[in-house]
């Protein structure tokens, strides 16, 4: 099962702060009627929350068995790379999946920026 966190639902229910992620996962578990989430994704980047704080929240959820793997979507290439560097430097979970905006109409950002970063993050 997969779900996302971080989209603005209200002034109090948005972003990727540790406090919000920890509380949001409980609602997701109830709605999905499960004990754990296979893939929990950061839906949108949160420039107001330090990357380390977000990854620490995910570390807490993984350790508690509520989340198995984390992913990201809608991040810029720079922020995805920064997240990977913070993850490695602080020994925190890393984004294992990435869901970029990519379609026949809107593919320039992916092909010119994100594709290079995702290759750097996952060398063969």
C-alpha atoms as a PDB file:
ATOM      1  CA  UNK A   1       0.000   0.000   0.000  1.00  0.00           C
ATOM      2  CA  UNK A   2       1.227   3.496  -0.797  1.00  0.00           C
ATOM      3  CA  UNK A   3       0.116   6.963   0.196  1.00  0.00           C
ATOM      4  CA  UNK A   4       1.507  10.490   0.393  1.00  0.00           C
ATOM      5  CA  UNK A   5       1.910  13.242   2.963  1.00  0.00           C
ATOM      6  CA  UNK A   6       2.660  16.924   2.594  1.00  0.00           C
ATOM      7  CA  UNK A   7      -0.076  18.364   0.392  1.00  0.00           C
ATOM      8  CA  UNK A   8      -1.878  21.312   1.957  1.00  0.00           C
ATOM      9  CA  UNK A   9      -5.169  20.093   3.389  1.00  0.00           C
ATOM     10  CA  UNK A  10      -5.595  23.099   5.702  1.00  0.00           C
ATOM     11  CA  UNK A  11      -3.393  25.663   7.470  1.00  0.00           C
ATOM     12  CA  UNK A  12      -2.612  23.103  10.192  1.00  0.00           C
ATOM     13  CA  UNK A  13      -2.453  20.029   7.956  1.00  0.00           C
ATOM     14  CA  UNK A  14       0.367  20.570   5.494  1.00  0.00           C
ATOM     15  CA  UNK A  15       4.091  20.269   4.957  1.00  0.00           C
ATOM     16  CA  UNK A  16       6.777  17.836   6.036  1.00  0.00           C
ATOM     17  CA  UNK A  17       7.484  18.772   9.639  1.00  0.00           C
ATOM     18  CA  UNK A  18       8.188  15.883  11.970  1.00  0.00           C
ATOM     19  CA  UNK A  19       5.134  16.724  14.077  1.00  0.00           C
ATOM     20  CA  UNK A  20       2.812  16.736  11.075  1.00  0.00           C
ATOM     21  CA  UNK A  21       4.193  13.571   9.462  1.00  0.00           C
ATOM     22  CA  UNK A  22       3.912  11.627  12.734  1.00  0.00           C
ATOM     23  CA  UNK A  23       0.295  12.704  13.198  1.00  0.00           C
ATOM     24  CA  UNK A  24      -0.649  12.310   9.517  1.00  0.00           C
ATOM     25  CA  UNK A  25       0.525   8.704   9.338  1.00  0.00           C
ATOM     26  CA  UNK A  26      -2.016   7.719  11.981  1.00  0.00           C
ATOM     27  CA  UNK A  27      -4.851   9.086   9.858  1.00  0.00           C
ATOM     28  CA  UNK A  28      -3.490   7.306   6.801  1.00  0.00           C
ATOM     29  CA  UNK A  29      -3.267   3.997   8.657  1.00  0.00           C
ATOM     30  CA  UNK A  30      -6.874   4.335   9.807  1.00  0.00           C
ATOM     31  CA  UNK A  31      -8.194   5.297   6.374  1.00  0.00           C
ATOM     32  CA  UNK A  32      -6.277   2.472   4.692  1.00  0.00           C
ATOM     33  CA  UNK A  33      -7.290   0.031   7.454  1.00  0.00           C
ATOM     34  CA  UNK A  34      -3.778  -1.328   7.849  1.00  0.00           C
ATOM     35  CA  UNK A  35      -0.975  -1.524  10.393  1.00  0.00           C
ATOM     36  CA  UNK A  36       1.766  -0.296   8.062  1.00  0.00           C
ATOM     37  CA  UNK A  37       2.346   1.546   4.808  1.00  0.00           C
ATOM     38  CA  UNK A  38       4.642  -0.039   2.239  1.00  0.00           C
ATOM     39  CA  UNK A  39       5.547   3.268   0.563  1.00  0.00           C
ATOM     40  CA  UNK A  40       5.042   6.645   2.237  1.00  0.00           C
ATOM     41  CA  UNK A  41       5.859   9.544  -0.057  1.00  0.00           C
ATOM     42  CA  UNK A  42       6.630  13.199   0.508  1.00  0.00           C
ATOM     43  CA  UNK A  43       4.076  14.566  -1.946  1.00  0.00           C
ATOM     44  CA  UNK A  44       5.518  18.079  -2.214  1.00  0.00           C
ATOM     45  CA  UNK A  45       8.758  19.516  -0.907  1.00  0.00           C
ATOM     46  CA  UNK A  46       8.535  21.757   2.165  1.00  0.00           C
ATOM     47  CA  UNK A  47      11.113  24.540   2.037  1.00  0.00           C
ATOM     48  CA  UNK A  48      10.128  25.696   5.544  1.00  0.00           C
ATOM     49  CA  UNK A  49      11.136  22.403   7.191  1.00  0.00           C
ATOM     50  CA  UNK A  50      14.761  21.243   7.354  1.00  0.00           C
ATOM     51  CA  UNK A  51      15.368  18.105   5.307  1.00  0.00           C
ATOM     52  CA  UNK A  52      16.902  16.389   8.336  1.00  0.00           C
ATOM     53  CA  UNK A  53      13.715  16.930  10.363  1.00  0.00           C
ATOM     54  CA  UNK A  54      11.607  15.296   7.651  1.00  0.00           C
ATOM     55  CA  UNK A  55      13.937  12.308   7.359  1.00  0.00           C
ATOM     56  CA  UNK A  56      14.042  11.940  11.155  1.00  0.00           C
ATOM     57  CA  UNK A  57      10.241  11.656  11.136  1.00  0.00           C
ATOM     58  CA  UNK A  58      10.462   8.881   8.584  1.00  0.00           C
ATOM     59  CA  UNK A  59      13.173   7.170  10.615  1.00  0.00           C
ATOM     60  CA  UNK A  60      10.831   7.177  13.619  1.00  0.00           C
ATOM     61  CA  UNK A  61       7.998   5.677  11.565  1.00  0.00           C
ATOM     62  CA  UNK A  62      10.213   3.019   9.999  1.00  0.00           C
ATOM     63  CA  UNK A  63      11.595   2.031  13.414  1.00  0.00           C
ATOM     64  CA  UNK A  64       8.031   1.775  14.745  1.00  0.00           C
ATOM     65  CA  UNK A  65       7.070  -0.512  11.851  1.00  0.00           C
ATOM     66  CA  UNK A  66       4.454   1.907  10.524  1.00  0.00           C
ATOM     67  CA  UNK A  67       6.301   2.635   7.268  1.00  0.00           C
ATOM     68  CA  UNK A  68       8.548   0.338   5.256  1.00  0.00           C
ATOM     69  CA  UNK A  69      10.030   2.580   2.547  1.00  0.00           C
ATOM     70  CA  UNK A  70       9.914   6.293   1.774  1.00  0.00           C
ATOM     71  CA  UNK A  71       9.689   8.112  -1.521  1.00  0.00           C
ATOM     72  CA  UNK A  72       9.329  11.626  -2.893  1.00  0.00           C
ATOM     73  CA  UNK A  73       7.348  13.324  -5.620  1.00  0.00           C
ATOM     74  CA  UNK A  74       7.327  16.798  -7.106  1.00  0.00           C
ATOM     75  CA  UNK A  75      10.778  17.774  -5.785  1.00  0.00           C
ATOM     76  CA  UNK A  76      13.235  19.835  -7.789  1.00  0.00           C
ATOM     77  CA  UNK A  77      16.424  18.116  -8.852  1.00  0.00           C
ATOM     78  CA  UNK A  78      18.400  20.244  -6.387  1.00  0.00           C
ATOM     79  CA  UNK A  79      16.202  19.391  -3.411  1.00  0.00           C
ATOM     80  CA  UNK A  80      16.144  15.690  -4.249  1.00  0.00           C
ATOM     81  CA  UNK A  81      19.939  15.650  -4.401  1.00  0.00           C
ATOM     82  CA  UNK A  82      20.160  17.642  -1.145  1.00  0.00           C
ATOM     83  CA  UNK A  83      17.830  15.122   0.518  1.00  0.00           C
ATOM     84  CA  UNK A  84      20.015  12.239  -0.598  1.00  0.00           C
ATOM     85  CA  UNK A  85      23.134  13.981   0.746  1.00  0.00           C
ATOM     86  CA  UNK A  86      21.494  14.700   4.124  1.00  0.00           C
ATOM     87  CA  UNK A  87      20.314  11.103   4.321  1.00  0.00           C
ATOM     88  CA  UNK A  88      23.820   9.776   3.757  1.00  0.00           C
ATOM     89  CA  UNK A  89      25.584  12.281   6.027  1.00  0.00           C
ATOM     90  CA  UNK A  90      23.173  11.833   8.947  1.00  0.00           C
ATOM     91  CA  UNK A  91      22.562   8.090   8.464  1.00  0.00           C
ATOM     92  CA  UNK A  92      18.844   8.671   7.941  1.00  0.00           C
ATOM     93  CA  UNK A  93      16.435   6.858   5.605  1.00  0.00           C
ATOM     94  CA  UNK A  94      16.700   7.888   1.970  1.00  0.00           C
ATOM     95  CA  UNK A  95      14.033   8.325  -0.622  1.00  0.00           C
ATOM     96  CA  UNK A  96      13.932   5.004  -2.452  1.00  0.00           C
ATOM     97  CA  UNK A  97      11.399   6.086  -5.073  1.00  0.00           C
ATOM     98  CA  UNK A  98      10.845   9.309  -6.941  1.00  0.00           C
ATOM     99  CA  UNK A  99       7.699  10.277  -8.828  1.00  0.00           C
ATOM    100  CA  UNK A 100       8.446  13.294 -11.020  1.00  0.00           C
ATOM    101  CA  UNK A 101       6.033  15.147 -13.218  1.00  0.00           C
ATOM    102  CA  UNK A 102       6.640  13.634 -16.635  1.00  0.00           C
ATOM    103  CA  UNK A 103       4.322  13.437 -19.611  1.00  0.00           C
ATOM    104  CA  UNK A 104       4.391  14.115 -23.342  1.00  0.00           C
ATOM    105  CA  UNK A 105       3.474  17.748 -22.822  1.00  0.00           C
ATOM    106  CA  UNK A 106       5.699  18.560 -19.840  1.00  0.00           C
ATOM    107  CA  UNK A 107       8.977  16.651 -19.983  1.00  0.00           C
ATOM    108  CA  UNK A 108      11.703  19.283 -20.233  1.00  0.00           C
ATOM    109  CA  UNK A 109      12.419  19.630 -16.482  1.00  0.00           C
ATOM    110  CA  UNK A 110      12.727  15.882 -16.048  1.00  0.00           C
ATOM    111  CA  UNK A 111      14.904  15.315 -19.090  1.00  0.00           C
ATOM    112  CA  UNK A 112      17.171  18.330 -18.492  1.00  0.00           C
ATOM    113  CA  UNK A 113      17.477  18.272 -14.687  1.00  0.00           C
ATOM    114  CA  UNK A 114      15.880  15.479 -12.708  1.00  0.00           C
ATOM    115  CA  UNK A 115      16.952  12.531 -14.842  1.00  0.00           C
ATOM    116  CA  UNK A 116      20.619  13.372 -14.237  1.00  0.00           C
ATOM    117  CA  UNK A 117      20.126  13.637 -10.473  1.00  0.00           C
ATOM    118  CA  UNK A 118      18.206  10.385 -10.194  1.00  0.00           C
ATOM    119  CA  UNK A 119      21.002   8.637 -12.077  1.00  0.00           C
ATOM    120  CA  UNK A 120      23.570  10.127  -9.653  1.00  0.00           C
ATOM    121  CA  UNK A 121      21.528   8.942  -6.679  1.00  0.00           C
ATOM    122  CA  UNK A 122      21.243   5.380  -8.018  1.00  0.00           C
ATOM    123  CA  UNK A 123      24.452   4.436  -9.818  1.00  0.00           C
ATOM    124  CA  UNK A 124      24.384   0.974 -11.387  1.00  0.00           C
END
